[in-house]
Amino acid sequence: MPDILSCDFEVHGIVQGVSFRMYTTRQANSLGVRGWCMNTPHDTVKGQIEGTPETFEQMKIWLQKTGSPASRIDRTDFGGTRKLQEFTFTNFSIRH
């Protein structure tokens, strides 16, 4: 079984009201990354990602550089990377 990496993230900029969570879910599903994301009261989007080293890195880059077409990413903060024995989420979802 390949390593599974996990970390928390928070995206700052124009990321609410621009379908950021929907695009994040779509990107995660296309990569096979699991976890969740949600809007915060501070106009950011935060969440957690889990994936193999390759898909994990691709998702991190997407969260830093791409986002949804109408978004503007000013900064993405990542928590420490953790190694997991197995996935803790069954898919990627939007939390409310």
PDB file of N, CA and C in Angstrom:
ATOM      1  N   MET A   1       0.850  -1.196   0.000  1.00  0.00           N
ATOM      2  CA  MET A   1       0.000   0.000   0.000  1.00  0.00           C
ATOM      3  C   MET A   1       0.884   1.243   0.000  1.00  0.00           C
ATOM      4  N   PRO A   2       0.650   2.167  -0.934  1.00  0.00           N
ATOM      5  CA  PRO A   2       1.479   3.383  -0.960  1.00  0.00           C
ATOM      6  C   PRO A   2       1.198   4.263   0.254  1.00  0.00           C
ATOM      7  N   ASP A   3       2.165   5.104   0.558  1.00  0.00           N
ATOM      8  CA  ASP A   3       1.967   6.062   1.648  1.00  0.00           C
ATOM      9  C   ASP A   3       0.778   6.954   1.333  1.00  0.00           C
ATOM     10  N   ILE A   4       0.063   7.337   2.373  1.00  0.00           N
ATOM     11  CA  ILE A   4      -1.009   8.312   2.247  1.00  0.00           C
ATOM     12  C   ILE A   4      -0.589   9.529   3.064  1.00  0.00           C
ATOM     13  N   LEU A   5      -0.575  10.673   2.409  1.00  0.00           N
ATOM     14  CA  LEU A   5      -0.196  11.915   3.077  1.00  0.00           C
ATOM     15  C   LEU A   5      -1.440  12.743   3.334  1.00  0.00           C
ATOM     16  N   SER A   6      -1.407  13.505   4.424  1.00  0.00           N
ATOM     17  CA  SER A   6      -2.557  14.312   4.814  1.00  0.00           C
ATOM     18  C   SER A   6      -2.075  15.643   5.376  1.00  0.00           C
ATOM     19  N   CYS A   7      -2.848  16.702   5.109  1.00  0.00           N
ATOM     20  CA  CYS A   7      -2.578  17.986   5.757  1.00  0.00           C
ATOM     21  C   CYS A   7      -3.825  18.851   5.720  1.00  0.00           C
ATOM     22  N   ASP A   8      -3.842  19.839   6.591  1.00  0.00           N
ATOM     23  CA  ASP A   8      -4.885  20.852   6.597  1.00  0.00           C
ATOM     24  C   ASP A   8      -4.452  21.975   5.655  1.00  0.00           C
ATOM     25  N   PHE A   9      -5.432  22.710   5.142  1.00  0.00           N
ATOM     26  CA  PHE A   9      -5.110  23.857   4.297  1.00  0.00           C
ATOM     27  C   PHE A   9      -6.104  24.977   4.556  1.00  0.00           C
ATOM     28  N   GLU A  10      -5.672  26.202   4.229  1.00  0.00           N
ATOM     29  CA  GLU A  10      -6.555  27.367   4.262  1.00  0.00           C
ATOM     30  C   GLU A  10      -6.145  28.289   3.122  1.00  0.00           C
ATOM     31  N   VAL A  11      -7.118  28.630   2.275  1.00  0.00           N
ATOM     32  CA  VAL A  11      -6.857  29.456   1.094  1.00  0.00           C
ATOM     33  C   VAL A  11      -7.403  30.859   1.351  1.00  0.00           C
ATOM     34  N   HIS A  12      -6.535  31.862   1.151  1.00  0.00           N
ATOM     35  CA  HIS A  12      -6.886  33.262   1.360  1.00  0.00           C
ATOM     36  C   HIS A  12      -6.979  33.966   0.018  1.00  0.00           C
ATOM     37  N   GLY A  13      -7.862  34.941  -0.088  1.00  0.00           N
ATOM     38  CA  GLY A  13      -8.032  35.713  -1.317  1.00  0.00           C
ATOM     39  C   GLY A  13      -9.515  35.832  -1.617  1.00  0.00           C
ATOM     40  N   ILE A  14      -9.859  35.878  -2.895  1.00  0.00           N
ATOM     41  CA  ILE A  14     -11.268  35.886  -3.290  1.00  0.00           C
ATOM     42  C   ILE A  14     -11.648  34.440  -3.580  1.00  0.00           C
ATOM     43  N   VAL A  15     -12.154  33.771  -2.549  1.00  0.00           N
ATOM     44  CA  VAL A  15     -12.429  32.325  -2.662  1.00  0.00           C
ATOM     45  C   VAL A  15     -13.838  31.964  -2.213  1.00  0.00           C
ATOM     46  N   GLN A  16     -14.646  32.962  -1.877  1.00  0.00           N
ATOM     47  CA  GLN A  16     -16.044  32.698  -1.547  1.00  0.00           C
ATOM     48  C   GLN A  16     -16.923  33.393  -2.578  1.00  0.00           C
ATOM     49  N   GLY A  17     -18.003  32.712  -2.961  1.00  0.00           N
ATOM     50  CA  GLY A  17     -18.897  33.263  -3.970  1.00  0.00           C
ATOM     51  C   GLY A  17     -18.362  33.116  -5.384  1.00  0.00           C
ATOM     52  N   VAL A  18     -17.346  32.255  -5.565  1.00  0.00           N
ATOM     53  CA  VAL A  18     -16.731  32.050  -6.884  1.00  0.00           C
ATOM     54  C   VAL A  18     -16.627  30.562  -7.224  1.00  0.00           C
ATOM     55  N   SER A  19     -17.501  29.747  -6.609  1.00  0.00           N
ATOM     56  CA  SER A  19     -17.541  28.296  -6.844  1.00  0.00           C
ATOM     57  C   SER A  19     -16.237  27.587  -6.491  1.00  0.00           C
ATOM     58  N   PHE A  20     -15.470  28.170  -5.564  1.00  0.00           N
ATOM     59  CA  PHE A  20     -14.167  27.585  -5.208  1.00  0.00           C
ATOM     60  C   PHE A  20     -14.318  26.182  -4.639  1.00  0.00           C
ATOM     61  N   ARG A  21     -15.288  25.994  -3.755  1.00  0.00           N
ATOM     62  CA  ARG A  21     -15.459  24.671  -3.139  1.00  0.00           C
ATOM     63  C   ARG A  21     -15.869  23.623  -4.164  1.00  0.00           C
ATOM     64  N   MET A  22     -16.748  24.001  -5.100  1.00  0.00           N
ATOM     65  CA  MET A  22     -17.182  23.060  -6.126  1.00  0.00           C
ATOM     66  C   MET A  22     -15.998  22.646  -7.007  1.00  0.00           C
ATOM     67  N   TYR A  23     -15.188  23.619  -7.433  1.00  0.00           N
ATOM     68  CA  TYR A  23     -14.025  23.302  -8.256  1.00  0.00           C
ATOM     69  C   TYR A  23     -12.988  22.494  -7.470  1.00  0.00           C
ATOM     70  N   THR A  24     -12.835  22.797  -6.185  1.00  0.00           N
ATOM     71  CA  THR A  24     -11.911  22.030  -5.351  1.00  0.00           C
ATOM     72  C   THR A  24     -12.358  20.572  -5.274  1.00  0.00           C
ATOM     73  N   THR A  25     -13.653  20.360  -5.073  1.00  0.00           N
ATOM     74  CA  THR A  25     -14.192  19.001  -5.015  1.00  0.00           C
ATOM     75  C   THR A  25     -13.983  18.286  -6.341  1.00  0.00           C
ATOM     76  N   ARG A  26     -14.250  18.976  -7.441  1.00  0.00           N
ATOM     77  CA  ARG A  26     -14.077  18.387  -8.777  1.00  0.00           C
ATOM     78  C   ARG A  26     -12.622  17.992  -9.009  1.00  0.00           C
ATOM     79  N   GLN A  27     -11.691  18.874  -8.636  1.00  0.00           N
ATOM     80  CA  GLN A  27     -10.260  18.591  -8.820  1.00  0.00           C
ATOM     81  C   GLN A  27      -9.827  17.420  -7.942  1.00  0.00           C
ATOM     82  N   ALA A  28     -10.248  17.426  -6.685  1.00  0.00           N
ATOM     83  CA  ALA A  28      -9.886  16.330  -5.770  1.00  0.00           C
ATOM     84  C   ALA A  28     -10.404  15.001  -6.301  1.00  0.00           C
ATOM     85  N   ASN A  29     -11.646  14.978  -6.752  1.00  0.00           N
ATOM     86  CA  ASN A  29     -12.221  13.739  -7.278  1.00  0.00           C
ATOM     87  C   ASN A  29     -11.480  13.266  -8.520  1.00  0.00           C
ATOM     88  N   SER A  30     -11.061  14.191  -9.378  1.00  0.00           N
ATOM     89  CA  SER A  30     -10.351  13.790 -10.592  1.00  0.00           C
ATOM     90  C   SER A  30      -8.978  13.197 -10.260  1.00  0.00           C
ATOM     91  N   LEU A  31      -8.376  13.640  -9.149  1.00  0.00           N
ATOM     92  CA  LEU A  31      -7.067  13.124  -8.737  1.00  0.00           C
ATOM     93  C   LEU A  31      -7.182  11.896  -7.826  1.00  0.00           C
ATOM     94  N   GLY A  32      -8.366  11.662  -7.266  1.00  0.00           N
ATOM     95  CA  GLY A  32      -8.508  10.598  -6.278  1.00  0.00           C
ATOM     96  C   GLY A  32      -8.085  11.037  -4.887  1.00  0.00           C
ATOM     97  N   VAL A  33      -8.081  12.354  -4.656  1.00  0.00           N
ATOM     98  CA  VAL A  33      -7.745  12.904  -3.339  1.00  0.00           C
ATOM     99  C   VAL A  33      -9.010  12.936  -2.489  1.00  0.00           C
ATOM    100  N   ARG A  34      -8.871  12.613  -1.221  1.00  0.00           N
ATOM    101  CA  ARG A  34     -10.016  12.609  -0.308  1.00  0.00           C
ATOM    102  C   ARG A  34      -9.866  13.720   0.715  1.00  0.00           C
ATOM    103  N   GLY A  35     -10.979  14.030   1.409  1.00  0.00           N
ATOM    104  CA  GLY A  35     -10.951  15.061   2.442  1.00  0.00           C
ATOM    105  C   GLY A  35     -12.206  15.899   2.390  1.00  0.00           C
ATOM    106  N   TRP A  36     -12.047  17.191   2.693  1.00  0.00           N
ATOM    107  CA  TRP A  36     -13.206  18.091   2.736  1.00  0.00           C
ATOM    108  C   TRP A  36     -12.739  19.538   2.631  1.00  0.00           C
ATOM    109  N   CYS A  37     -13.700  20.433   2.352  1.00  0.00           N
ATOM    110  CA  CYS A  37     -13.436  21.871   2.400  1.00  0.00           C
ATOM    111  C   CYS A  37     -14.706  22.589   2.832  1.00  0.00           C
ATOM    112  N   MET A  38     -14.534  23.809   3.327  1.00  0.00           N
ATOM    113  CA  MET A  38     -15.674  24.605   3.780  1.00  0.00           C
ATOM    114  C   MET A  38     -15.306  26.079   3.783  1.00  0.00           C
ATOM    115  N   ASN A  39     -16.321  26.932   3.658  1.00  0.00           N
ATOM    116  CA  ASN A  39     -16.125  28.372   3.842  1.00  0.00           C
ATOM    117  C   ASN A  39     -15.931  28.656   5.322  1.00  0.00           C
ATOM    118  N   THR A  40     -15.164  29.684   5.625  1.00  0.00           N
ATOM    119  CA  THR A  40     -15.004  30.121   7.016  1.00  0.00           C
ATOM    120  C   THR A  40     -15.620  31.514   7.165  1.00  0.00           C
ATOM    121  N   PRO A  41     -15.861  31.956   8.404  1.00  0.00           N
ATOM    122  CA  PRO A  41     -16.377  33.315   8.631  1.00  0.00           C
ATOM    123  C   PRO A  41     -15.361  34.396   8.255  1.00  0.00           C
ATOM    124  N   HIS A  42     -14.104  34.008   7.975  1.00  0.00           N
ATOM    125  CA  HIS A  42     -13.036  34.969   7.670  1.00  0.00           C
ATOM    126  C   HIS A  42     -12.814  35.105   6.162  1.00  0.00           C
ATOM    127  N   ASP A  43     -13.820  34.699   5.365  1.00  0.00           N
ATOM    128  CA  ASP A  43     -13.742  34.784   3.897  1.00  0.00           C
ATOM    129  C   ASP A  43     -12.614  33.936   3.311  1.00  0.00           C
ATOM    130  N   THR A  44     -12.274  32.845   3.979  1.00  0.00           N
ATOM    131  CA  THR A  44     -11.302  31.900   3.449  1.00  0.00           C
ATOM    132  C   THR A  44     -12.013  30.565   3.217  1.00  0.00           C
ATOM    133  N   VAL A  45     -11.310  29.656   2.570  1.00  0.00           N
ATOM    134  CA  VAL A  45     -11.779  28.275   2.457  1.00  0.00           C
ATOM    135  C   VAL A  45     -10.736  27.404   3.131  1.00  0.00           C
ATOM    136  N   LYS A  46     -11.182  26.571   4.063  1.00  0.00           N
ATOM    137  CA  LYS A  46     -10.241  25.673   4.717  1.00  0.00           C
ATOM    138  C   LYS A  46     -10.703  24.240   4.538  1.00  0.00           C
ATOM    139  N   GLY A  47      -9.792  23.317   4.804  1.00  0.00           N
ATOM    140  CA  GLY A  47     -10.151  21.922   4.657  1.00  0.00           C
ATOM    141  C   GLY A  47      -8.974  21.013   4.943  1.00  0.00           C
ATOM    142  N   GLN A  48      -9.118  19.793   4.471  1.00  0.00           N
ATOM    143  CA  GLN A  48      -8.111  18.766   4.697  1.00  0.00           C
ATOM    144  C   GLN A  48      -8.024  17.913   3.442  1.00  0.00           C
ATOM    145  N   ILE A  49      -6.814  17.533   3.069  1.00  0.00           N
ATOM    146  CA  ILE A  49      -6.633  16.649   1.919  1.00  0.00           C
ATOM    147  C   ILE A  49      -5.844  15.413   2.327  1.00  0.00           C
ATOM    148  N   GLU A  50      -6.162  14.305   1.674  1.00  0.00           N
ATOM    149  CA  GLU A  50      -5.447  13.043   1.851  1.00  0.00           C
ATOM    150  C   GLU A  50      -5.225  12.436   0.468  1.00  0.00           C
ATOM    151  N   GLY A  51      -4.011  11.994   0.209  1.00  0.00           N
ATOM    152  CA  GLY A  51      -3.739  11.364  -1.078  1.00  0.00           C
ATOM    153  C   GLY A  51      -2.387  10.689  -1.091  1.00  0.00           C
ATOM    154  N   THR A  52      -2.118   9.974  -2.175  1.00  0.00           N
ATOM    155  CA  THR A  52      -0.791   9.392  -2.364  1.00  0.00           C
ATOM    156  C   THR A  52       0.183  10.548  -2.564  1.00  0.00           C
ATOM    157  N   PRO A  53       1.473  10.325  -2.375  1.00  0.00           N
ATOM    158  CA  PRO A  53       2.416  11.451  -2.496  1.00  0.00           C
ATOM    159  C   PRO A  53       2.249  12.256  -3.788  1.00  0.00           C
ATOM    160  N   GLU A  54       2.035  11.568  -4.910  1.00  0.00           N
ATOM    161  CA  GLU A  54       1.914  12.268  -6.194  1.00  0.00           C
ATOM    162  C   GLU A  54       0.635  13.104  -6.258  1.00  0.00           C
ATOM    163  N   THR A  55      -0.513  12.507  -5.934  1.00  0.00           N
ATOM    164  CA  THR A  55      -1.777  13.247  -6.029  1.00  0.00           C
ATOM    165  C   THR A  55      -1.869  14.327  -4.956  1.00  0.00           C
ATOM    166  N   PHE A  56      -1.278  14.061  -3.797  1.00  0.00           N
ATOM    167  CA  PHE A  56      -1.241  15.036  -2.699  1.00  0.00           C
ATOM    168  C   PHE A  56      -0.517  16.303  -3.150  1.00  0.00           C
ATOM    169  N   GLU A  57       0.654  16.133  -3.791  1.00  0.00           N
ATOM    170  CA  GLU A  57       1.425  17.290  -4.272  1.00  0.00           C
ATOM    171  C   GLU A  57       0.676  18.027  -5.372  1.00  0.00           C
ATOM    172  N   GLN A  58       0.033  17.275  -6.280  1.00  0.00           N
ATOM    173  CA  GLN A  58      -0.730  17.923  -7.360  1.00  0.00           C
ATOM    174  C   GLN A  58      -1.870  18.759  -6.785  1.00  0.00           C
ATOM    175  N   MET A  59      -2.537  18.243  -5.758  1.00  0.00           N
ATOM    176  CA  MET A  59      -3.653  18.973  -5.151  1.00  0.00           C
ATOM    177  C   MET A  59      -3.150  20.218  -4.429  1.00  0.00           C
ATOM    178  N   LYS A  60      -2.002  20.100  -3.749  1.00  0.00           N
ATOM    179  CA  LYS A  60      -1.439  21.269  -3.062  1.00  0.00           C
ATOM    180  C   LYS A  60      -1.114  22.377  -4.060  1.00  0.00           C
ATOM    181  N   ILE A  61      -0.520  22.014  -5.191  1.00  0.00           N
ATOM    182  CA  ILE A  61      -0.183  23.009  -6.209  1.00  0.00           C
ATOM    183  C   ILE A  61      -1.455  23.654  -6.749  1.00  0.00           C
ATOM    184  N   TRP A  62      -2.487  22.844  -6.988  1.00  0.00           N
ATOM    185  CA  TRP A  62      -3.761  23.380  -7.496  1.00  0.00           C
ATOM    186  C   TRP A  62      -4.347  24.388  -6.501  1.00  0.00           C
ATOM    187  N   LEU A  63      -4.277  24.065  -5.194  1.00  0.00           N
ATOM    188  CA  LEU A  63      -4.815  24.958  -4.163  1.00  0.00           C
ATOM    189  C   LEU A  63      -4.001  26.251  -4.045  1.00  0.00           C
ATOM    190  N   GLN A  64      -2.750  26.225  -4.444  1.00  0.00           N
ATOM    191  CA  GLN A  64      -1.898  27.419  -4.379  1.00  0.00           C
ATOM    192  C   GLN A  64      -1.985  28.264  -5.641  1.00  0.00           C
ATOM    193  N   LYS A  65      -2.138  27.610  -6.802  1.00  0.00           N
ATOM    194  CA  LYS A  65      -1.938  28.307  -8.070  1.00  0.00           C
ATOM    195  C   LYS A  65      -3.189  28.433  -8.935  1.00  0.00           C
ATOM    196  N   THR A  66      -4.137  27.490  -8.834  1.00  0.00           N
ATOM    197  CA  THR A  66      -5.203  27.425  -9.824  1.00  0.00           C
ATOM    198  C   THR A  66      -6.538  27.889  -9.257  1.00  0.00           C
ATOM    199  N   GLY A  67      -7.151  27.091  -8.408  1.00  0.00           N
ATOM    200  CA  GLY A  67      -8.456  27.447  -7.850  1.00  0.00           C
ATOM    201  C   GLY A  67      -9.536  27.488  -8.917  1.00  0.00           C
ATOM    202  N   SER A  68     -10.645  28.115  -8.594  1.00  0.00           N
ATOM    203  CA  SER A  68     -11.742  28.223  -9.557  1.00  0.00           C
ATOM    204  C   SER A  68     -11.455  29.383 -10.511  1.00  0.00           C
ATOM    205  N   PRO A  69     -12.087  29.383 -11.708  1.00  0.00           N
ATOM    206  CA  PRO A  69     -11.775  30.432 -12.699  1.00  0.00           C
ATOM    207  C   PRO A  69     -11.963  31.860 -12.194  1.00  0.00           C
ATOM    208  N   ALA A  70     -12.957  32.095 -11.347  1.00  0.00           N
ATOM    209  CA  ALA A  70     -13.225  33.465 -10.889  1.00  0.00           C
ATOM    210  C   ALA A  70     -12.518  33.808  -9.574  1.00  0.00           C
ATOM    211  N   SER A  71     -11.787  32.856  -9.009  1.00  0.00           N
ATOM    212  CA  SER A  71     -11.134  33.114  -7.721  1.00  0.00           C
ATOM    213  C   SER A  71      -9.819  33.862  -7.911  1.00  0.00           C
ATOM    214  N   ARG A  72      -9.355  34.444  -6.821  1.00  0.00           N
ATOM    215  CA  ARG A  72      -8.006  35.018  -6.776  1.00  0.00           C
ATOM    216  C   ARG A  72      -7.351  34.490  -5.507  1.00  0.00           C
ATOM    217  N   ILE A  73      -6.321  33.685  -5.666  1.00  0.00           N
ATOM    218  CA  ILE A  73      -5.634  33.102  -4.507  1.00  0.00           C
ATOM    219  C   ILE A  73      -4.485  34.029  -4.127  1.00  0.00           C
ATOM    220  N   ASP A  74      -4.574  34.594  -2.919  1.00  0.00           N
ATOM    221  CA  ASP A  74      -3.491  35.445  -2.425  1.00  0.00           C
ATOM    222  C   ASP A  74      -2.444  34.619  -1.695  1.00  0.00           C
ATOM    223  N   ARG A  75      -2.911  33.626  -0.955  1.00  0.00           N
ATOM    224  CA  ARG A  75      -1.998  32.822  -0.124  1.00  0.00           C
ATOM    225  C   ARG A  75      -2.706  31.537   0.253  1.00  0.00           C
ATOM    226  N   THR A  76      -1.967  30.438   0.287  1.00  0.00           N
ATOM    227  CA  THR A  76      -2.504  29.183   0.792  1.00  0.00           C
ATOM    228  C   THR A  76      -1.588  28.695   1.902  1.00  0.00           C
ATOM    229  N   ASP A  77      -2.148  28.490   3.075  1.00  0.00           N
ATOM    230  CA  ASP A  77      -1.395  27.986   4.218  1.00  0.00           C
ATOM    231  C   ASP A  77      -1.649  26.491   4.356  1.00  0.00           C
ATOM    232  N   PHE A  78      -0.582  25.728   4.553  1.00  0.00           N
ATOM    233  CA  PHE A  78      -0.706  24.287   4.758  1.00  0.00           C
ATOM    234  C   PHE A  78      -0.190  23.932   6.144  1.00  0.00           C
ATOM    235  N   GLY A  79      -0.917  23.052   6.823  1.00  0.00           N
ATOM    236  CA  GLY A  79      -0.439  22.507   8.093  1.00  0.00           C
ATOM    237  C   GLY A  79       0.635  21.466   7.818  1.00  0.00           C
ATOM    238  N   GLY A  80       1.174  20.917   8.879  1.00  0.00           N
ATOM    239  CA  GLY A  80       2.209  19.898   8.724  1.00  0.00           C
ATOM    240  C   GLY A  80       1.669  18.659   8.012  1.00  0.00           C
ATOM    241  N   THR A  81       2.515  18.062   7.185  1.00  0.00           N
ATOM    242  CA  THR A  81       2.130  16.844   6.474  1.00  0.00           C
ATOM    243  C   THR A  81       2.247  15.647   7.409  1.00  0.00           C
ATOM    244  N   ARG A  82       1.195  14.844   7.433  1.00  0.00           N
ATOM    245  CA  ARG A  82       1.174  13.634   8.259  1.00  0.00           C
ATOM    246  C   ARG A  82       1.107  12.414   7.352  1.00  0.00           C
ATOM    247  N   LYS A  83       1.750  11.322   7.773  1.00  0.00           N
ATOM    248  CA  LYS A  83       1.638  10.052   7.059  1.00  0.00           C
ATOM    249  C   LYS A  83       0.560   9.210   7.726  1.00  0.00           C
ATOM    250  N   LEU A  84      -0.328   8.663   6.921  1.00  0.00           N
ATOM    251  CA  LEU A  84      -1.426   7.839   7.436  1.00  0.00           C
ATOM    252  C   LEU A  84      -1.248   6.393   6.980  1.00  0.00           C
ATOM    253  N   GLN A  85      -1.769   5.458   7.783  1.00  0.00           N
ATOM    254  CA  GLN A  85      -1.757   4.042   7.395  1.00  0.00           C
ATOM    255  C   GLN A  85      -2.831   3.753   6.354  1.00  0.00           C
ATOM    256  N   GLU A  86      -3.945   4.479   6.475  1.00  0.00           N
ATOM    257  CA  GLU A  86      -5.044   4.293   5.528  1.00  0.00           C
ATOM    258  C   GLU A  86      -5.841   5.588   5.455  1.00  0.00           C
ATOM    259  N   PHE A  87      -6.666   5.694   4.413  1.00  0.00           N
ATOM    260  CA  PHE A  87      -7.507   6.879   4.273  1.00  0.00           C
ATOM    261  C   PHE A  87      -8.481   6.980   5.447  1.00  0.00           C
ATOM    262  N   THR A  88      -8.756   8.194   5.898  1.00  0.00           N
ATOM    263  CA  THR A  88      -9.764   8.382   6.944  1.00  0.00           C
ATOM    264  C   THR A  88     -11.077   8.893   6.360  1.00  0.00           C
ATOM    265  N   PHE A  89     -11.046   9.346   5.103  1.00  0.00           N
ATOM    266  CA  PHE A  89     -12.267   9.796   4.420  1.00  0.00           C
ATOM    267  C   PHE A  89     -12.550   8.870   3.249  1.00  0.00           C
ATOM    268  N   THR A  90     -13.832   8.719   2.895  1.00  0.00           N
ATOM    269  CA  THR A  90     -14.201   7.865   1.772  1.00  0.00           C
ATOM    270  C   THR A  90     -14.237   8.625   0.456  1.00  0.00           C
ATOM    271  N   ASN A  91     -14.286   9.979   0.518  1.00  0.00           N
ATOM    272  CA  ASN A  91     -14.353  10.791  -0.688  1.00  0.00           C
ATOM    273  C   ASN A  91     -13.933  12.212  -0.329  1.00  0.00           C
ATOM    274  N   PHE A  92     -14.205  13.156  -1.216  1.00  0.00           N
ATOM    275  CA  PHE A  92     -13.962  14.572  -0.918  1.00  0.00           C
ATOM    276  C   PHE A  92     -15.320  15.250  -0.888  1.00  0.00           C
ATOM    277  N   SER A  93     -15.585  16.015   0.159  1.00  0.00           N
ATOM    278  CA  SER A  93     -16.911  16.604   0.318  1.00  0.00           C
ATOM    279  C   SER A  93     -16.814  18.069   0.744  1.00  0.00           C
ATOM    280  N   ILE A  94     -17.941  18.755   0.579  1.00  0.00           N
ATOM    281  CA  ILE A  94     -18.059  20.143   1.040  1.00  0.00           C
ATOM    282  C   ILE A  94     -18.807  20.103   2.369  1.00  0.00           C
ATOM    283  N   ARG A  95     -18.230  20.723   3.375  1.00  0.00           N
ATOM    284  CA  ARG A  95     -18.883  20.831   4.684  1.00  0.00           C
ATOM    285  C   ARG A  95     -19.535  22.192   4.808  1.00  0.00           C
ATOM    286  N   HIS A  96     -20.611  22.231   5.586  1.00  0.00           N
ATOM    287  CA  HIS A  96     -21.338  23.501   5.769  1.00  0.00           C
ATOM    288  C   HIS A  96     -21.332  23.913   7.226  1.00  0.00           C
TER     289      HIS A  96
END
